[in-house]
N, C-alpha and C. Protein backbone atom coordinates (compact mmCIF):
# COMPACT_ATOMS: atom_id res chain seq x y z
N MET A 1 8.94 48.11 -44.65
CA MET A 1 7.69 48.25 -45.51
C MET A 1 6.77 47.10 -45.10
N ALA A 2 7.38 45.85 -45.05
CA ALA A 2 6.50 44.78 -44.73
C ALA A 2 5.81 44.93 -43.43
N GLU A 3 6.59 45.47 -42.47
CA GLU A 3 6.02 45.75 -41.10
C GLU A 3 4.83 46.57 -41.20
N ARG A 4 4.80 47.70 -42.04
CA ARG A 4 3.64 48.54 -42.12
C ARG A 4 2.49 47.85 -42.69
N GLU A 5 2.78 47.08 -43.72
CA GLU A 5 1.59 46.20 -44.21
C GLU A 5 1.06 45.24 -43.20
N ALA A 6 1.87 44.63 -42.40
CA ALA A 6 1.40 43.65 -41.42
C ALA A 6 0.55 44.36 -40.39
N LYS A 7 1.03 45.60 -39.96
CA LYS A 7 0.25 46.41 -39.00
C LYS A 7 -1.03 46.86 -39.52
N ALA A 8 -0.99 47.19 -40.83
CA ALA A 8 -2.26 47.61 -41.47
C ALA A 8 -3.23 46.53 -41.53
N GLU A 9 -2.81 45.28 -41.82
CA GLU A 9 -3.72 44.21 -41.91
C GLU A 9 -4.23 43.88 -40.53
N THR A 10 -3.35 43.95 -39.43
CA THR A 10 -3.83 43.71 -38.10
C THR A 10 -4.86 44.81 -37.67
N THR A 11 -4.56 46.03 -37.99
CA THR A 11 -5.50 47.11 -37.61
C THR A 11 -6.82 46.91 -38.32
N SER A 12 -6.80 46.56 -39.59
CA SER A 12 -8.09 46.39 -40.29
C SER A 12 -8.84 45.14 -39.78
N ALA A 13 -8.15 44.10 -39.36
CA ALA A 13 -8.85 42.99 -38.80
C ALA A 13 -9.44 43.31 -37.41
N ALA A 14 -8.69 44.12 -36.63
CA ALA A 14 -9.23 44.51 -35.32
C ALA A 14 -10.42 45.47 -35.49
N GLU A 15 -10.30 46.35 -36.55
CA GLU A 15 -11.52 47.23 -36.72
C GLU A 15 -12.77 46.52 -37.11
N GLU A 16 -12.63 45.26 -37.76
CA GLU A 16 -13.84 44.60 -38.19
C GLU A 16 -14.52 43.92 -37.09
N LYS A 17 -13.88 43.67 -35.92
CA LYS A 17 -14.45 43.00 -34.74
C LYS A 17 -15.25 44.03 -33.89
N SER A 18 -16.27 43.42 -33.35
CA SER A 18 -17.15 44.35 -32.46
C SER A 18 -16.44 44.28 -31.14
N PRO A 19 -16.84 45.25 -30.25
CA PRO A 19 -16.26 45.32 -28.94
C PRO A 19 -16.62 44.03 -28.05
N GLU A 20 -17.77 43.53 -28.31
CA GLU A 20 -18.21 42.35 -27.63
C GLU A 20 -17.26 41.11 -28.03
N GLN A 21 -16.94 40.98 -29.28
CA GLN A 21 -16.07 39.91 -29.75
C GLN A 21 -14.65 40.09 -29.10
N ILE A 22 -14.23 41.36 -29.07
CA ILE A 22 -12.90 41.56 -28.50
C ILE A 22 -12.91 41.19 -26.98
N GLU A 23 -14.01 41.61 -26.29
CA GLU A 23 -14.15 41.31 -24.87
C GLU A 23 -14.18 39.76 -24.61
N ALA A 24 -14.84 39.11 -25.47
CA ALA A 24 -14.97 37.67 -25.42
C ALA A 24 -13.59 36.99 -25.61
N GLU A 25 -12.89 37.49 -26.56
CA GLU A 25 -11.52 36.99 -26.87
C GLU A 25 -10.57 37.17 -25.63
N ILE A 26 -10.66 38.45 -25.04
CA ILE A 26 -9.91 38.81 -23.85
C ILE A 26 -10.24 37.88 -22.71
N ALA A 27 -11.59 37.60 -22.52
CA ALA A 27 -11.97 36.77 -21.41
C ALA A 27 -11.48 35.26 -21.65
N ALA A 28 -11.58 34.82 -22.91
CA ALA A 28 -11.06 33.50 -23.22
C ALA A 28 -9.58 33.44 -22.94
N THR A 29 -8.83 34.45 -23.34
CA THR A 29 -7.36 34.43 -23.10
C THR A 29 -7.02 34.47 -21.67
N ARG A 30 -7.80 35.27 -20.90
CA ARG A 30 -7.56 35.31 -19.43
C ARG A 30 -7.84 33.90 -18.79
N GLU A 31 -8.87 33.27 -19.24
CA GLU A 31 -9.17 31.98 -18.75
C GLU A 31 -8.10 30.93 -19.02
N GLU A 32 -7.53 31.02 -20.28
CA GLU A 32 -6.51 30.04 -20.69
C GLU A 32 -5.26 30.36 -19.83
N LEU A 33 -4.94 31.68 -19.65
CA LEU A 33 -3.75 32.04 -18.88
C LEU A 33 -3.95 31.60 -17.45
N GLY A 34 -5.17 31.73 -16.87
CA GLY A 34 -5.46 31.31 -15.52
C GLY A 34 -5.22 29.79 -15.40
N ASP A 35 -5.70 28.98 -16.33
CA ASP A 35 -5.52 27.54 -16.33
C ASP A 35 -4.06 27.19 -16.41
N THR A 36 -3.25 27.93 -17.27
CA THR A 36 -1.88 27.74 -17.48
C THR A 36 -1.12 28.02 -16.18
N VAL A 37 -1.45 29.08 -15.59
CA VAL A 37 -0.81 29.40 -14.23
C VAL A 37 -1.09 28.40 -13.22
N ALA A 38 -2.30 27.92 -13.16
CA ALA A 38 -2.74 26.98 -12.16
C ALA A 38 -1.98 25.61 -12.44
N GLU A 39 -1.81 25.28 -13.66
CA GLU A 39 -1.07 24.06 -13.97
C GLU A 39 0.42 24.19 -13.53
N LEU A 40 0.97 25.35 -13.86
CA LEU A 40 2.39 25.63 -13.50
C LEU A 40 2.57 25.58 -12.01
N ALA A 41 1.66 26.10 -11.35
CA ALA A 41 1.77 26.28 -9.84
C ALA A 41 1.63 24.84 -9.33
N ASP A 42 0.73 24.02 -9.87
CA ASP A 42 0.62 22.63 -9.42
C ASP A 42 1.89 21.84 -9.65
N LYS A 43 2.46 22.04 -10.84
CA LYS A 43 3.74 21.36 -11.09
C LYS A 43 4.85 21.87 -10.26
N ALA A 44 4.87 23.09 -9.80
CA ALA A 44 5.93 23.67 -9.00
C ALA A 44 5.75 23.29 -7.46
N ASP A 45 4.65 22.82 -7.11
CA ASP A 45 4.36 22.43 -5.78
C ASP A 45 5.05 21.09 -5.41
N VAL A 46 6.34 21.21 -4.92
CA VAL A 46 7.20 19.93 -4.78
C VAL A 46 6.46 19.01 -3.71
N LYS A 47 5.98 19.59 -2.72
CA LYS A 47 5.40 18.79 -1.56
C LYS A 47 4.15 17.97 -2.02
N LYS A 48 3.37 18.69 -2.87
CA LYS A 48 2.19 17.96 -3.45
C LYS A 48 2.61 16.95 -4.47
N GLN A 49 3.55 17.21 -5.25
CA GLN A 49 4.03 16.25 -6.25
C GLN A 49 4.65 14.98 -5.49
N ALA A 50 5.35 15.21 -4.42
CA ALA A 50 5.99 14.11 -3.66
C ALA A 50 4.85 13.30 -3.03
N LYS A 51 3.80 13.83 -2.47
CA LYS A 51 2.75 13.14 -1.96
C LYS A 51 1.97 12.35 -2.95
N LYS A 52 1.79 12.88 -4.19
CA LYS A 52 1.08 12.31 -5.19
C LYS A 52 1.94 11.03 -5.74
N LYS A 53 3.26 11.22 -5.85
CA LYS A 53 4.16 10.14 -6.18
C LYS A 53 4.11 9.07 -5.12
N ALA A 54 4.16 9.48 -3.89
CA ALA A 54 4.19 8.52 -2.79
C ALA A 54 2.84 7.69 -2.79
N THR A 55 1.71 8.35 -3.06
CA THR A 55 0.45 7.69 -3.10
C THR A 55 0.43 6.70 -4.28
N GLN A 56 0.93 7.04 -5.33
CA GLN A 56 0.99 6.18 -6.49
C GLN A 56 1.94 4.93 -6.28
N THR A 57 3.02 5.18 -5.61
CA THR A 57 3.94 4.09 -5.27
C THR A 57 3.32 3.21 -4.30
N LYS A 58 2.66 3.72 -3.27
CA LYS A 58 2.01 2.87 -2.32
C LYS A 58 0.93 1.91 -2.95
N ALA A 59 0.18 2.56 -3.88
CA ALA A 59 -0.89 1.81 -4.61
C ALA A 59 -0.23 0.68 -5.41
N LYS A 60 0.87 0.95 -6.12
CA LYS A 60 1.58 -0.12 -6.94
C LYS A 60 2.11 -1.18 -5.97
N ALA A 61 2.68 -0.74 -4.86
CA ALA A 61 3.24 -1.74 -3.90
C ALA A 61 2.20 -2.56 -3.34
N ARG A 62 0.95 -2.00 -3.02
CA ARG A 62 -0.14 -2.83 -2.48
C ARG A 62 -0.62 -3.79 -3.48
N ALA A 63 -0.81 -3.30 -4.69
CA ALA A 63 -1.14 -4.27 -5.77
C ALA A 63 -0.21 -5.39 -6.05
N LYS A 64 1.11 -5.05 -5.96
CA LYS A 64 2.05 -6.11 -6.16
C LYS A 64 2.05 -7.07 -4.99
N ALA A 65 1.95 -6.55 -3.75
CA ALA A 65 1.87 -7.40 -2.56
C ALA A 65 0.68 -8.39 -2.67
N GLU A 66 -0.48 -7.83 -2.99
CA GLU A 66 -1.69 -8.71 -3.14
C GLU A 66 -1.45 -9.74 -4.22
N GLN A 67 -0.80 -9.35 -5.40
CA GLN A 67 -0.54 -10.35 -6.37
C GLN A 67 0.34 -11.47 -5.82
N ILE A 68 1.48 -11.05 -5.23
CA ILE A 68 2.41 -12.01 -4.61
C ILE A 68 1.71 -12.91 -3.55
N LYS A 69 0.96 -12.32 -2.73
CA LYS A 69 0.21 -13.01 -1.66
C LYS A 69 -0.73 -14.07 -2.31
N GLY A 70 -1.36 -13.59 -3.31
CA GLY A 70 -2.33 -14.62 -4.01
C GLY A 70 -1.57 -15.72 -4.63
N LYS A 71 -0.48 -15.50 -5.20
CA LYS A 71 0.38 -16.49 -5.89
C LYS A 71 0.94 -17.44 -4.74
N ALA A 72 1.36 -16.93 -3.59
CA ALA A 72 1.92 -17.70 -2.52
C ALA A 72 0.78 -18.60 -1.97
N VAL A 73 -0.29 -18.06 -1.79
CA VAL A 73 -1.43 -18.92 -1.24
C VAL A 73 -1.84 -19.95 -2.17
N SER A 74 -1.83 -19.68 -3.42
CA SER A 74 -2.19 -20.79 -4.37
C SER A 74 -1.14 -21.83 -4.49
N GLN A 75 0.10 -21.46 -4.36
CA GLN A 75 1.30 -22.38 -4.34
C GLN A 75 1.22 -23.30 -3.10
N LYS A 76 0.90 -22.53 -1.94
CA LYS A 76 0.79 -23.35 -0.69
C LYS A 76 -0.34 -24.37 -0.76
N ASP A 77 -1.48 -23.88 -1.35
CA ASP A 77 -2.53 -24.86 -1.39
C ASP A 77 -2.26 -26.00 -2.32
N ALA A 78 -1.55 -25.72 -3.40
CA ALA A 78 -1.16 -26.84 -4.33
C ALA A 78 -0.22 -27.70 -3.68
N ALA A 79 0.75 -27.26 -2.98
CA ALA A 79 1.70 -28.02 -2.32
C ALA A 79 1.13 -28.88 -1.15
N ALA A 80 0.18 -28.31 -0.47
CA ALA A 80 -0.56 -29.05 0.51
C ALA A 80 -1.35 -30.11 -0.02
N ALA A 81 -2.00 -29.90 -1.19
CA ALA A 81 -2.79 -30.99 -1.88
C ALA A 81 -1.89 -32.10 -2.34
N LYS A 82 -0.76 -31.72 -2.88
CA LYS A 82 0.26 -32.85 -3.27
C LYS A 82 0.71 -33.65 -2.16
N VAL A 83 1.00 -33.02 -1.04
CA VAL A 83 1.53 -33.66 0.21
C VAL A 83 0.42 -34.62 0.75
N THR A 84 -0.89 -34.22 0.72
CA THR A 84 -1.98 -34.92 1.16
C THR A 84 -2.19 -36.14 0.21
N GLU A 85 -2.07 -35.99 -1.04
CA GLU A 85 -2.18 -37.07 -2.03
C GLU A 85 -1.07 -38.07 -1.84
N ALA A 86 0.15 -37.59 -1.60
CA ALA A 86 1.22 -38.49 -1.54
C ALA A 86 1.42 -39.18 -0.22
N ALA A 87 0.92 -38.57 0.83
CA ALA A 87 1.00 -39.22 2.16
C ALA A 87 0.16 -40.42 2.33
N PRO A 88 0.64 -41.48 2.95
CA PRO A 88 -0.28 -42.62 3.20
C PRO A 88 -1.37 -42.26 4.22
N ASP A 89 -2.37 -43.12 4.23
CA ASP A 89 -3.45 -42.89 5.14
C ASP A 89 -3.08 -42.85 6.65
N SER A 90 -2.12 -43.73 6.96
CA SER A 90 -1.71 -43.75 8.38
C SER A 90 -1.04 -42.43 8.74
N ALA A 91 -0.29 -41.85 7.89
CA ALA A 91 0.42 -40.60 8.13
C ALA A 91 -0.59 -39.45 8.32
N ARG A 92 -1.61 -39.46 7.47
CA ARG A 92 -2.69 -38.40 7.49
C ARG A 92 -3.37 -38.50 8.89
N ASP A 93 -3.70 -39.77 9.27
CA ASP A 93 -4.36 -40.00 10.54
C ASP A 93 -3.43 -39.48 11.76
N GLY A 94 -2.15 -39.81 11.60
CA GLY A 94 -1.19 -39.39 12.64
C GLY A 94 -1.15 -37.88 12.80
N ALA A 95 -1.18 -37.28 11.59
CA ALA A 95 -1.09 -35.75 11.67
C ALA A 95 -2.37 -35.17 12.23
N HIS A 96 -3.48 -35.72 11.94
CA HIS A 96 -4.69 -35.26 12.57
C HIS A 96 -4.68 -35.45 14.07
N GLN A 97 -4.15 -36.59 14.53
CA GLN A 97 -4.10 -36.92 15.94
C GLN A 97 -3.09 -36.01 16.64
N ALA A 98 -1.99 -35.70 15.96
CA ALA A 98 -0.95 -34.86 16.51
C ALA A 98 -1.57 -33.42 16.71
N SER A 99 -2.27 -32.98 15.76
CA SER A 99 -2.94 -31.67 15.79
C SER A 99 -3.94 -31.62 16.95
N ALA A 100 -4.71 -32.72 16.98
CA ALA A 100 -5.72 -32.77 18.07
C ALA A 100 -4.97 -32.79 19.45
N GLY A 101 -3.94 -33.50 19.53
CA GLY A 101 -3.17 -33.55 20.82
C GLY A 101 -2.66 -32.27 21.12
N ALA A 102 -2.08 -31.44 20.22
CA ALA A 102 -1.48 -30.15 20.51
C ALA A 102 -2.56 -29.14 20.92
N GLN A 103 -3.80 -29.29 20.34
CA GLN A 103 -4.89 -28.47 20.64
C GLN A 103 -5.33 -28.78 22.13
N GLN A 104 -5.29 -30.08 22.47
CA GLN A 104 -5.74 -30.48 23.82
C GLN A 104 -4.72 -29.94 24.82
N ALA A 105 -3.33 -30.05 24.59
CA ALA A 105 -2.40 -29.66 25.50
C ALA A 105 -2.52 -28.12 25.61
N ALA A 106 -2.72 -27.40 24.60
CA ALA A 106 -2.80 -25.89 24.74
C ALA A 106 -4.03 -25.55 25.60
N SER A 107 -5.13 -26.30 25.37
CA SER A 107 -6.35 -26.13 26.25
C SER A 107 -6.08 -26.37 27.69
N GLN A 108 -5.36 -27.54 27.97
CA GLN A 108 -5.08 -27.81 29.38
C GLN A 108 -4.12 -26.76 29.98
N ALA A 109 -3.17 -26.27 29.19
CA ALA A 109 -2.22 -25.26 29.78
C ALA A 109 -3.05 -23.88 30.00
N THR A 110 -3.91 -23.57 29.24
CA THR A 110 -4.70 -22.37 29.39
C THR A 110 -5.64 -22.49 30.61
N GLN A 111 -6.23 -23.72 30.85
CA GLN A 111 -7.04 -23.98 31.96
C GLN A 111 -6.28 -23.93 33.25
N PHE A 112 -5.07 -24.53 33.29
CA PHE A 112 -4.16 -24.48 34.41
C PHE A 112 -3.80 -23.04 34.77
N ALA A 113 -3.48 -22.24 33.75
CA ALA A 113 -3.06 -20.88 33.93
C ALA A 113 -4.27 -20.07 34.60
N ARG A 114 -5.45 -20.38 34.17
CA ARG A 114 -6.63 -19.64 34.71
C ARG A 114 -6.87 -20.01 36.12
N GLU A 115 -6.64 -21.30 36.48
CA GLU A 115 -7.02 -21.80 37.80
C GLU A 115 -5.93 -21.44 38.82
N ARG A 116 -4.73 -21.32 38.32
CA ARG A 116 -3.52 -21.00 39.19
C ARG A 116 -2.65 -19.92 38.65
N PRO A 117 -3.16 -18.64 38.72
CA PRO A 117 -2.41 -17.56 38.12
C PRO A 117 -1.09 -17.25 38.77
N ILE A 118 -1.02 -17.37 40.10
CA ILE A 118 0.28 -16.95 40.78
C ILE A 118 1.37 -18.03 40.43
N PRO A 119 1.21 -19.38 40.47
CA PRO A 119 2.19 -20.20 40.12
C PRO A 119 2.62 -20.12 38.64
N THR A 120 1.64 -19.80 37.81
CA THR A 120 1.87 -19.64 36.33
C THR A 120 2.78 -18.42 36.13
N ALA A 121 2.47 -17.27 36.88
CA ALA A 121 3.31 -16.12 36.78
C ALA A 121 4.73 -16.36 37.22
N ALA A 122 4.85 -17.13 38.30
CA ALA A 122 6.15 -17.43 38.81
C ALA A 122 6.99 -18.20 37.84
N ILE A 123 6.32 -19.20 37.29
CA ILE A 123 7.03 -20.03 36.29
C ILE A 123 7.46 -19.27 35.06
N ALA A 124 6.58 -18.41 34.59
CA ALA A 124 6.82 -17.55 33.43
C ALA A 124 7.94 -16.67 33.74
N ALA A 125 8.05 -16.07 35.01
CA ALA A 125 9.16 -15.18 35.34
C ALA A 125 10.43 -15.94 35.41
N PHE A 126 10.43 -17.17 35.95
CA PHE A 126 11.63 -18.00 36.01
C PHE A 126 12.18 -18.34 34.62
N VAL A 127 11.23 -18.70 33.73
CA VAL A 127 11.68 -19.03 32.39
C VAL A 127 12.19 -17.83 31.63
N GLY A 128 11.51 -16.72 31.82
CA GLY A 128 11.97 -15.47 31.28
C GLY A 128 13.38 -15.07 31.79
N GLY A 129 13.56 -15.16 32.98
CA GLY A 129 14.95 -14.96 33.56
C GLY A 129 16.03 -15.73 33.05
N LEU A 130 15.65 -17.04 32.87
CA LEU A 130 16.56 -18.01 32.29
C LEU A 130 16.99 -17.61 30.84
N ALA A 131 15.93 -17.26 30.05
CA ALA A 131 16.08 -16.85 28.72
C ALA A 131 16.93 -15.60 28.57
N ILE A 132 16.62 -14.61 29.43
CA ILE A 132 17.52 -13.38 29.46
C ILE A 132 18.92 -13.65 29.82
N GLY A 133 19.10 -14.38 30.84
CA GLY A 133 20.50 -14.77 31.33
C GLY A 133 21.27 -15.56 30.24
N TRP A 134 20.58 -16.40 29.59
CA TRP A 134 21.23 -17.14 28.45
C TRP A 134 21.62 -16.25 27.39
N ILE A 135 20.70 -15.25 27.01
CA ILE A 135 21.01 -14.34 25.84
C ILE A 135 22.21 -13.56 26.21
N LEU A 136 22.16 -12.94 27.43
CA LEU A 136 23.22 -12.01 27.90
C LEU A 136 24.53 -12.71 28.11
N GLY A 137 24.45 -13.96 28.52
CA GLY A 137 25.70 -14.83 28.82
C GLY A 137 26.37 -15.14 27.42
N ARG A 138 25.64 -15.15 26.30
CA ARG A 138 26.25 -15.49 24.95
C ARG A 138 26.98 -14.29 24.41
N ARG A 139 26.86 -13.08 25.01
CA ARG A 139 27.47 -11.93 24.42
C ARG A 139 28.90 -11.90 24.79
């Protein structure tokens, strides 16, 4: 008996609505269902979800790497400043001279290689052969 009363109430409520209102409700329901189906299809697309997760993980990794890099650079700069402060003037001058000497030696070696490419290649091949022989001999 309660079912008949519920059906009667539903029927009377439906009779009070105009056809335009019913069509609007149907259209709204279809749109909601379409959105729901699209969301479910999106969630069910494993490949797309994996790519999305990979992109998020890459972004987090890049951010963390940048953070660590920035921290390392600041610590390196702080350590270099402490070493510079603690080093005597003579050691600082020596370090600058050593750096200048290394740059000069590199420049001379580059100039020699440009002026004499064949002997340079022969020396490089000989040194490379020695290195390979030494590595293989250790096995």
